[in-house]
Amino acid sequence: MQHALAGSQRPVRYAADGLLRIQGQREDSGLRAGEKPGGKTVELHFSLSPKAGHHVTTGTVGGQELSPLAVELMDDEKHWVIERCEVRETSDLLAQSGQSVDDSAVQVSVTLAATSEVPDLLSASVGLRLQVQLCSDTACLAPQQFSFRL
């Protein structure tokens, strides 16, 4: 398991011998230092960009059961709960906007709700684990897990 450390607003990890780039980003829009949680949420965004000829699996392909991309809180995470998780392929997003491009990047957006135990939303980090499987047209690599603390 590889870790991205807190302190960087946009930590980056590489997987599968550099074939996959994963970048995380935290958005704390509308939060103020010292603010109590009271139903507040935090958005985390991940961009998974494989090198040409590869793609991130998101389910079953050609009848073959593959390991879908998975997002979960780290085992010791007690200040947050996952409220929503959305996985979209960049090609789908570009097609909706009328653009055509051969891009196999995947965008993951996670909305986390703070529990009542969070003393200060801006200083409380969030620990997430992503499980990713990378495939080419001929073979799939074993799934890998990556931890991010944002």
N, C-alpha and C. Protein backbone atom coordinates (compact mmCIF):
# COMPACT_ATOMS: atom_id res chain seq x y z
N MET A 1 0.85 -1.17 0.00
CA MET A 1 0.00 0.00 0.00
C MET A 1 0.89 1.23 0.00
N GLN A 2 0.56 2.22 -0.83
CA GLN A 2 1.33 3.45 -0.89
C GLN A 2 0.53 4.57 -0.24
N HIS A 3 1.23 5.53 0.37
CA HIS A 3 0.57 6.62 1.08
C HIS A 3 0.91 7.97 0.47
N ALA A 4 -0.07 8.86 0.46
CA ALA A 4 0.17 10.27 0.13
C ALA A 4 -0.01 11.04 1.42
N LEU A 5 0.93 11.84 1.78
CA LEU A 5 0.91 12.50 3.08
C LEU A 5 0.15 13.81 3.05
N ALA A 6 -0.38 14.16 4.23
CA ALA A 6 -1.03 15.46 4.40
C ALA A 6 0.04 16.54 4.27
N GLY A 7 -0.39 17.76 4.06
CA GLY A 7 0.55 18.85 3.92
C GLY A 7 0.62 19.33 2.49
N SER A 8 0.31 18.47 1.57
CA SER A 8 0.26 18.86 0.17
C SER A 8 -1.21 19.00 -0.21
N GLN A 9 -1.57 20.10 -0.85
CA GLN A 9 -2.95 20.31 -1.25
C GLN A 9 -3.36 19.39 -2.40
N ARG A 10 -2.39 18.93 -3.17
CA ARG A 10 -2.68 18.05 -4.31
C ARG A 10 -1.66 16.92 -4.38
N PRO A 11 -1.69 16.00 -3.39
CA PRO A 11 -0.71 14.92 -3.39
C PRO A 11 -0.85 14.03 -4.62
N VAL A 12 0.28 13.49 -5.08
CA VAL A 12 0.31 12.64 -6.27
C VAL A 12 0.98 11.33 -5.92
N ARG A 13 0.45 10.23 -6.46
CA ARG A 13 1.03 8.90 -6.33
C ARG A 13 1.09 8.27 -7.71
N TYR A 14 2.09 7.41 -7.93
CA TYR A 14 2.21 6.66 -9.17
C TYR A 14 2.08 5.18 -8.85
N ALA A 15 1.40 4.46 -9.72
CA ALA A 15 1.17 3.02 -9.52
C ALA A 15 1.63 2.26 -10.74
N ALA A 16 1.72 0.94 -10.57
CA ALA A 16 2.02 0.03 -11.68
C ALA A 16 3.26 0.48 -12.44
N ASP A 17 4.35 0.68 -11.69
CA ASP A 17 5.62 1.10 -12.30
C ASP A 17 5.48 2.35 -13.15
N GLY A 18 4.69 3.31 -12.69
CA GLY A 18 4.54 4.58 -13.38
C GLY A 18 3.47 4.62 -14.45
N LEU A 19 2.72 3.53 -14.63
CA LEU A 19 1.68 3.50 -15.67
C LEU A 19 0.42 4.27 -15.26
N LEU A 20 0.25 4.55 -13.97
CA LEU A 20 -0.95 5.24 -13.49
C LEU A 20 -0.56 6.37 -12.54
N ARG A 21 -1.10 7.55 -12.80
CA ARG A 21 -0.88 8.73 -11.95
C ARG A 21 -2.19 9.01 -11.22
N ILE A 22 -2.11 9.13 -9.87
CA ILE A 22 -3.28 9.43 -9.05
C ILE A 22 -3.01 10.74 -8.32
N GLN A 23 -3.89 11.71 -8.51
CA GLN A 23 -3.74 12.99 -7.83
C GLN A 23 -4.99 13.27 -7.02
N GLY A 24 -4.81 13.65 -5.76
CA GLY A 24 -5.93 13.97 -4.88
C GLY A 24 -6.01 15.46 -4.61
N GLN A 25 -7.22 15.92 -4.29
CA GLN A 25 -7.43 17.33 -3.96
C GLN A 25 -8.59 17.43 -2.98
N ARG A 26 -8.44 18.28 -1.98
CA ARG A 26 -9.49 18.51 -0.98
C ARG A 26 -10.05 19.91 -1.17
N GLU A 27 -11.38 20.02 -1.11
CA GLU A 27 -12.04 21.33 -1.20
C GLU A 27 -12.82 21.58 0.07
N ASP A 28 -12.44 22.63 0.76
CA ASP A 28 -13.10 23.03 2.00
C ASP A 28 -13.89 24.31 1.78
N SER A 29 -14.56 24.44 0.67
CA SER A 29 -15.24 25.69 0.35
C SER A 29 -16.29 26.03 1.39
N GLY A 30 -16.29 27.27 1.79
CA GLY A 30 -17.31 27.77 2.72
C GLY A 30 -17.05 27.44 4.18
N LEU A 31 -15.90 26.85 4.52
CA LEU A 31 -15.60 26.53 5.91
C LEU A 31 -14.68 27.59 6.50
N ARG A 32 -14.84 27.81 7.80
CA ARG A 32 -14.01 28.78 8.50
C ARG A 32 -13.30 28.09 9.66
N ALA A 33 -12.10 28.56 9.98
CA ALA A 33 -11.34 27.99 11.09
C ALA A 33 -12.17 28.06 12.37
N GLY A 34 -12.15 26.98 13.15
CA GLY A 34 -12.88 26.93 14.41
C GLY A 34 -14.35 26.60 14.28
N GLU A 35 -14.84 26.47 13.05
CA GLU A 35 -16.25 26.19 12.82
C GLU A 35 -16.59 24.77 13.27
N LYS A 36 -17.71 24.60 13.93
CA LYS A 36 -18.17 23.28 14.36
C LYS A 36 -18.84 22.58 13.19
N PRO A 37 -18.83 21.23 13.16
CA PRO A 37 -19.30 20.48 12.00
C PRO A 37 -20.75 20.73 11.61
N GLY A 38 -21.69 20.52 12.50
CA GLY A 38 -23.11 20.79 12.22
C GLY A 38 -23.58 20.46 10.82
N GLY A 39 -23.34 19.26 10.32
CA GLY A 39 -23.83 18.86 9.01
C GLY A 39 -22.97 19.32 7.85
N LYS A 40 -21.80 19.85 8.11
CA LYS A 40 -20.90 20.33 7.04
C LYS A 40 -20.28 19.16 6.30
N THR A 41 -19.93 19.41 5.05
CA THR A 41 -19.30 18.37 4.23
C THR A 41 -18.00 18.88 3.64
N VAL A 42 -17.18 17.94 3.21
CA VAL A 42 -15.91 18.22 2.55
C VAL A 42 -15.90 17.40 1.26
N GLU A 43 -15.40 17.99 0.19
CA GLU A 43 -15.29 17.29 -1.10
C GLU A 43 -13.84 16.88 -1.34
N LEU A 44 -13.65 15.63 -1.73
CA LEU A 44 -12.35 15.14 -2.15
C LEU A 44 -12.46 14.72 -3.61
N HIS A 45 -11.47 15.08 -4.40
CA HIS A 45 -11.48 14.73 -5.82
C HIS A 45 -10.18 14.02 -6.15
N PHE A 46 -10.30 12.96 -6.93
CA PHE A 46 -9.14 12.21 -7.37
C PHE A 46 -9.17 12.10 -8.89
N SER A 47 -8.04 12.32 -9.51
CA SER A 47 -7.90 12.14 -10.94
C SER A 47 -6.94 10.97 -11.16
N LEU A 48 -7.41 9.93 -11.83
CA LEU A 48 -6.61 8.75 -12.12
C LEU A 48 -6.30 8.76 -13.61
N SER A 49 -5.04 8.95 -13.95
CA SER A 49 -4.63 9.11 -15.35
C SER A 49 -3.66 8.02 -15.76
N PRO A 50 -4.14 7.00 -16.48
CA PRO A 50 -3.24 5.94 -16.96
C PRO A 50 -2.48 6.38 -18.20
N LYS A 51 -1.32 5.77 -18.42
CA LYS A 51 -0.56 6.03 -19.65
C LYS A 51 -1.31 5.42 -20.83
N ALA A 52 -0.98 5.88 -22.02
CA ALA A 52 -1.64 5.43 -23.25
C ALA A 52 -1.63 3.91 -23.33
N GLY A 53 -2.76 3.33 -23.76
CA GLY A 53 -2.87 1.90 -23.91
C GLY A 53 -3.37 1.18 -22.67
N HIS A 54 -3.63 1.94 -21.59
CA HIS A 54 -4.11 1.36 -20.34
C HIS A 54 -5.39 2.06 -19.88
N HIS A 55 -6.13 1.40 -19.01
CA HIS A 55 -7.34 2.00 -18.44
C HIS A 55 -7.58 1.46 -17.03
N VAL A 56 -8.31 2.22 -16.25
CA VAL A 56 -8.70 1.83 -14.89
C VAL A 56 -9.99 1.04 -15.01
N THR A 57 -10.04 -0.13 -14.38
CA THR A 57 -11.26 -0.94 -14.46
C THR A 57 -12.34 -0.35 -13.55
N THR A 58 -13.56 -0.38 -14.04
CA THR A 58 -14.69 0.12 -13.26
C THR A 58 -15.79 -0.93 -13.16
N GLY A 59 -15.48 -2.20 -13.45
CA GLY A 59 -16.48 -3.26 -13.35
C GLY A 59 -16.16 -4.42 -14.27
N THR A 60 -17.17 -4.99 -14.89
CA THR A 60 -17.02 -6.13 -15.77
C THR A 60 -16.71 -5.66 -17.19
N VAL A 61 -15.70 -6.24 -17.82
CA VAL A 61 -15.31 -5.89 -19.19
C VAL A 61 -15.28 -7.18 -20.01
N GLY A 62 -16.03 -7.21 -21.09
CA GLY A 62 -16.04 -8.36 -21.98
C GLY A 62 -16.37 -9.66 -21.28
N GLY A 63 -17.26 -9.60 -20.29
CA GLY A 63 -17.66 -10.79 -19.55
C GLY A 63 -16.66 -11.21 -18.49
N GLN A 64 -15.51 -10.54 -18.42
CA GLN A 64 -14.49 -10.88 -17.42
C GLN A 64 -14.73 -10.05 -16.16
N GLU A 65 -14.80 -10.71 -15.03
CA GLU A 65 -15.00 -10.03 -13.75
C GLU A 65 -13.69 -9.40 -13.31
N LEU A 66 -13.67 -8.09 -13.22
CA LEU A 66 -12.48 -7.36 -12.81
C LEU A 66 -12.73 -6.67 -11.49
N SER A 67 -11.68 -6.23 -10.85
CA SER A 67 -11.81 -5.55 -9.58
C SER A 67 -12.18 -4.09 -9.83
N PRO A 68 -13.41 -3.69 -9.49
CA PRO A 68 -13.81 -2.30 -9.75
C PRO A 68 -13.09 -1.33 -8.82
N LEU A 69 -12.99 -0.10 -9.27
CA LEU A 69 -12.40 0.94 -8.45
C LEU A 69 -13.21 1.05 -7.17
N ALA A 70 -12.56 1.11 -6.02
CA ALA A 70 -13.27 1.19 -4.74
C ALA A 70 -12.68 2.31 -3.90
N VAL A 71 -13.54 2.99 -3.14
CA VAL A 71 -13.13 4.07 -2.25
C VAL A 71 -13.71 3.76 -0.88
N GLU A 72 -12.87 3.82 0.15
CA GLU A 72 -13.35 3.60 1.51
C GLU A 72 -12.55 4.43 2.48
N LEU A 73 -13.12 4.68 3.65
CA LEU A 73 -12.41 5.39 4.70
C LEU A 73 -11.33 4.48 5.27
N MET A 74 -10.22 5.05 5.72
CA MET A 74 -9.19 4.26 6.37
C MET A 74 -9.75 3.71 7.68
N ASP A 75 -9.19 2.59 8.12
CA ASP A 75 -9.72 1.88 9.29
C ASP A 75 -9.80 2.74 10.55
N ASP A 76 -8.84 3.64 10.74
CA ASP A 76 -8.83 4.46 11.96
C ASP A 76 -9.61 5.77 11.81
N GLU A 77 -10.31 5.94 10.72
CA GLU A 77 -11.03 7.20 10.47
C GLU A 77 -12.35 7.22 11.24
N LYS A 78 -12.49 8.18 12.15
CA LYS A 78 -13.71 8.24 12.95
C LYS A 78 -14.42 9.59 12.85
N HIS A 79 -13.81 10.55 12.18
CA HIS A 79 -14.40 11.90 12.12
C HIS A 79 -15.29 12.14 10.91
N TRP A 80 -15.33 11.19 9.99
CA TRP A 80 -16.05 11.40 8.74
C TRP A 80 -16.85 10.16 8.34
N VAL A 81 -17.89 10.38 7.55
CA VAL A 81 -18.62 9.29 6.92
C VAL A 81 -18.76 9.65 5.44
N ILE A 82 -18.73 8.63 4.56
CA ILE A 82 -18.90 8.87 3.13
C ILE A 82 -20.37 9.09 2.86
N GLU A 83 -20.68 10.25 2.35
CA GLU A 83 -22.06 10.61 2.03
C GLU A 83 -22.39 10.27 0.56
N ARG A 84 -21.40 10.47 -0.32
CA ARG A 84 -21.59 10.23 -1.76
C ARG A 84 -20.24 9.95 -2.40
N CYS A 85 -20.25 9.03 -3.36
CA CYS A 85 -19.04 8.75 -4.14
C CYS A 85 -19.45 8.58 -5.60
N GLU A 86 -18.86 9.36 -6.48
CA GLU A 86 -19.19 9.32 -7.90
C GLU A 86 -17.92 9.07 -8.70
N VAL A 87 -17.99 8.09 -9.60
CA VAL A 87 -16.87 7.74 -10.47
C VAL A 87 -17.30 8.01 -11.91
N ARG A 88 -16.53 8.83 -12.61
CA ARG A 88 -16.85 9.17 -14.01
C ARG A 88 -15.61 9.09 -14.85
N GLU A 89 -15.78 8.55 -16.04
CA GLU A 89 -14.66 8.52 -16.98
C GLU A 89 -14.60 9.87 -17.70
N THR A 90 -13.39 10.38 -17.91
CA THR A 90 -13.22 11.69 -18.55
C THR A 90 -13.86 11.71 -19.93
N SER A 91 -13.78 10.60 -20.66
CA SER A 91 -14.38 10.56 -22.00
C SER A 91 -15.89 10.80 -21.93
N ASP A 92 -16.56 10.29 -20.88
CA ASP A 92 -17.99 10.54 -20.69
C ASP A 92 -18.26 12.02 -20.44
N LEU A 93 -17.42 12.64 -19.62
CA LEU A 93 -17.59 14.06 -19.30
C LEU A 93 -17.39 14.92 -20.55
N LEU A 94 -16.36 14.58 -21.36
CA LEU A 94 -16.09 15.37 -22.56
C LEU A 94 -17.18 15.16 -23.60
N ALA A 95 -17.72 13.95 -23.71
CA ALA A 95 -18.80 13.69 -24.67
C ALA A 95 -20.04 14.50 -24.33
N GLN A 96 -20.33 14.67 -23.04
CA GLN A 96 -21.48 15.47 -22.62
C GLN A 96 -21.31 16.93 -23.00
N SER A 97 -20.06 17.38 -23.06
CA SER A 97 -19.82 18.79 -23.40
C SER A 97 -19.62 18.97 -24.90
N GLY A 98 -19.77 17.89 -25.69
CA GLY A 98 -19.65 17.98 -27.14
C GLY A 98 -18.25 17.81 -27.66
N GLN A 99 -17.28 17.55 -26.78
CA GLN A 99 -15.90 17.36 -27.21
C GLN A 99 -15.64 15.88 -27.46
N SER A 100 -14.73 15.59 -28.36
CA SER A 100 -14.35 14.21 -28.64
C SER A 100 -12.86 14.06 -28.39
N VAL A 101 -12.50 13.11 -27.55
CA VAL A 101 -11.09 12.89 -27.23
C VAL A 101 -10.92 11.46 -26.76
N ASP A 102 -9.76 10.89 -27.04
CA ASP A 102 -9.44 9.54 -26.58
C ASP A 102 -8.70 9.68 -25.25
N ASP A 103 -9.43 9.74 -24.16
CA ASP A 103 -8.86 9.94 -22.84
C ASP A 103 -9.44 8.89 -21.90
N SER A 104 -8.59 8.10 -21.27
CA SER A 104 -9.07 7.04 -20.39
C SER A 104 -8.94 7.41 -18.92
N ALA A 105 -8.80 8.70 -18.60
CA ALA A 105 -8.70 9.14 -17.22
C ALA A 105 -10.04 8.94 -16.52
N VAL A 106 -9.97 8.75 -15.21
CA VAL A 106 -11.16 8.56 -14.39
C VAL A 106 -11.16 9.63 -13.30
N GLN A 107 -12.31 10.25 -13.09
CA GLN A 107 -12.48 11.26 -12.04
C GLN A 107 -13.33 10.66 -10.93
N VAL A 108 -12.87 10.78 -9.69
CA VAL A 108 -13.60 10.28 -8.54
C VAL A 108 -13.88 11.47 -7.62
N SER A 109 -15.15 11.68 -7.29
CA SER A 109 -15.54 12.73 -6.35
C SER A 109 -16.19 12.08 -5.14
N VAL A 110 -15.72 12.45 -3.96
CA VAL A 110 -16.23 11.88 -2.72
C VAL A 110 -16.70 13.03 -1.83
N THR A 111 -17.95 12.95 -1.35
CA THR A 111 -18.46 13.91 -0.38
C THR A 111 -18.45 13.24 0.98
N LEU A 112 -17.79 13.88 1.94
CA LEU A 112 -17.71 13.36 3.29
C LEU A 112 -18.47 14.28 4.24
N ALA A 113 -19.24 13.68 5.13
CA ALA A 113 -19.94 14.46 6.16
C ALA A 113 -19.18 14.31 7.46
N ALA A 114 -19.03 15.42 8.17
CA ALA A 114 -18.32 15.40 9.45
C ALA A 114 -19.22 14.85 10.54
N THR A 115 -18.62 14.06 11.43
CA THR A 115 -19.36 13.60 12.61
C THR A 115 -19.28 14.69 13.66
N SER A 116 -20.02 14.54 14.71
CA SER A 116 -20.03 15.55 15.78
C SER A 116 -18.71 15.57 16.55
N GLU A 117 -17.82 14.60 16.30
CA GLU A 117 -16.55 14.52 17.02
C GLU A 117 -15.46 15.42 16.43
N VAL A 118 -15.69 16.00 15.25
CA VAL A 118 -14.66 16.82 14.62
C VAL A 118 -14.59 18.17 15.32
N PRO A 119 -13.46 18.49 15.96
CA PRO A 119 -13.37 19.76 16.67
C PRO A 119 -13.26 20.98 15.75
N ASP A 120 -12.58 20.82 14.63
CA ASP A 120 -12.35 21.94 13.72
C ASP A 120 -12.23 21.36 12.31
N LEU A 121 -13.17 21.69 11.44
CA LEU A 121 -13.21 21.10 10.11
C LEU A 121 -11.97 21.38 9.27
N LEU A 122 -11.39 22.54 9.40
CA LEU A 122 -10.25 22.89 8.57
C LEU A 122 -8.97 22.18 8.99
N SER A 123 -8.86 21.82 10.27
CA SER A 123 -7.62 21.18 10.72
C SER A 123 -7.74 19.66 10.75
N ALA A 124 -8.94 19.11 10.59
CA ALA A 124 -9.13 17.66 10.63
C ALA A 124 -8.84 17.05 9.27
N SER A 125 -7.84 16.19 9.21
CA SER A 125 -7.52 15.53 7.95
C SER A 125 -8.49 14.37 7.72
N VAL A 126 -8.52 13.92 6.47
CA VAL A 126 -9.40 12.83 6.07
C VAL A 126 -8.53 11.72 5.48
N GLY A 127 -8.72 10.50 5.99
CA GLY A 127 -7.97 9.36 5.48
C GLY A 127 -8.85 8.48 4.61
N LEU A 128 -8.46 8.34 3.33
CA LEU A 128 -9.20 7.50 2.39
C LEU A 128 -8.26 6.47 1.77
N ARG A 129 -8.85 5.35 1.39
CA ARG A 129 -8.12 4.30 0.69
C ARG A 129 -8.81 4.06 -0.65
N LEU A 130 -8.02 4.03 -1.71
CA LEU A 130 -8.53 3.71 -3.05
C LEU A 130 -7.97 2.36 -3.48
N GLN A 131 -8.83 1.52 -4.04
CA GLN A 131 -8.36 0.28 -4.65
C GLN A 131 -8.54 0.42 -6.15
N VAL A 132 -7.46 0.19 -6.89
CA VAL A 132 -7.45 0.43 -8.33
C VAL A 132 -6.85 -0.78 -9.04
N GLN A 133 -7.48 -1.16 -10.17
CA GLN A 133 -6.91 -2.19 -11.03
C GLN A 133 -6.69 -1.57 -12.41
N LEU A 134 -5.51 -1.75 -12.94
CA LEU A 134 -5.13 -1.18 -14.23
C LEU A 134 -5.02 -2.31 -15.26
N CYS A 135 -5.59 -2.07 -16.45
CA CYS A 135 -5.54 -3.07 -17.52
C CYS A 135 -5.06 -2.43 -18.82
N SER A 136 -4.51 -3.28 -19.68
CA SER A 136 -4.22 -2.89 -21.06
C SER A 136 -5.17 -3.69 -21.93
N ASP A 137 -4.98 -3.64 -23.23
CA ASP A 137 -5.83 -4.43 -24.13
C ASP A 137 -5.54 -5.93 -24.02
N THR A 138 -4.39 -6.29 -23.46
CA THR A 138 -4.01 -7.70 -23.42
C THR A 138 -3.97 -8.32 -22.03
N ALA A 139 -3.81 -7.52 -20.98
CA ALA A 139 -3.67 -8.09 -19.63
C ALA A 139 -4.08 -7.09 -18.56
N CYS A 140 -4.41 -7.61 -17.39
CA CYS A 140 -4.73 -6.77 -16.23
C CYS A 140 -3.71 -7.02 -15.13
N LEU A 141 -3.32 -5.96 -14.47
CA LEU A 141 -2.43 -6.06 -13.33
C LEU A 141 -3.25 -6.36 -12.08
N ALA A 142 -2.61 -6.84 -11.05
CA ALA A 142 -3.30 -7.10 -9.79
C ALA A 142 -3.79 -5.78 -9.20
N PRO A 143 -4.94 -5.78 -8.52
CA PRO A 143 -5.42 -4.55 -7.88
C PRO A 143 -4.40 -4.04 -6.86
N GLN A 144 -4.32 -2.71 -6.72
CA GLN A 144 -3.42 -2.08 -5.76
C GLN A 144 -4.23 -1.13 -4.89
N GLN A 145 -3.78 -0.94 -3.64
CA GLN A 145 -4.43 0.01 -2.74
C GLN A 145 -3.50 1.19 -2.47
N PHE A 146 -4.11 2.37 -2.38
CA PHE A 146 -3.39 3.61 -2.10
C PHE A 146 -4.11 4.37 -1.00
N SER A 147 -3.35 4.84 -0.03
CA SER A 147 -3.94 5.64 1.05
C SER A 147 -3.61 7.10 0.84
N PHE A 148 -4.59 7.93 1.04
CA PHE A 148 -4.43 9.38 0.95
C PHE A 148 -4.92 9.99 2.26
N ARG A 149 -4.18 10.92 2.79
CA ARG A 149 -4.65 11.69 3.95
C ARG A 149 -4.62 13.14 3.51
N LEU A 150 -5.81 13.71 3.35
CA LEU A 150 -5.95 15.09 2.87
C LEU A 150 -6.59 15.94 3.93
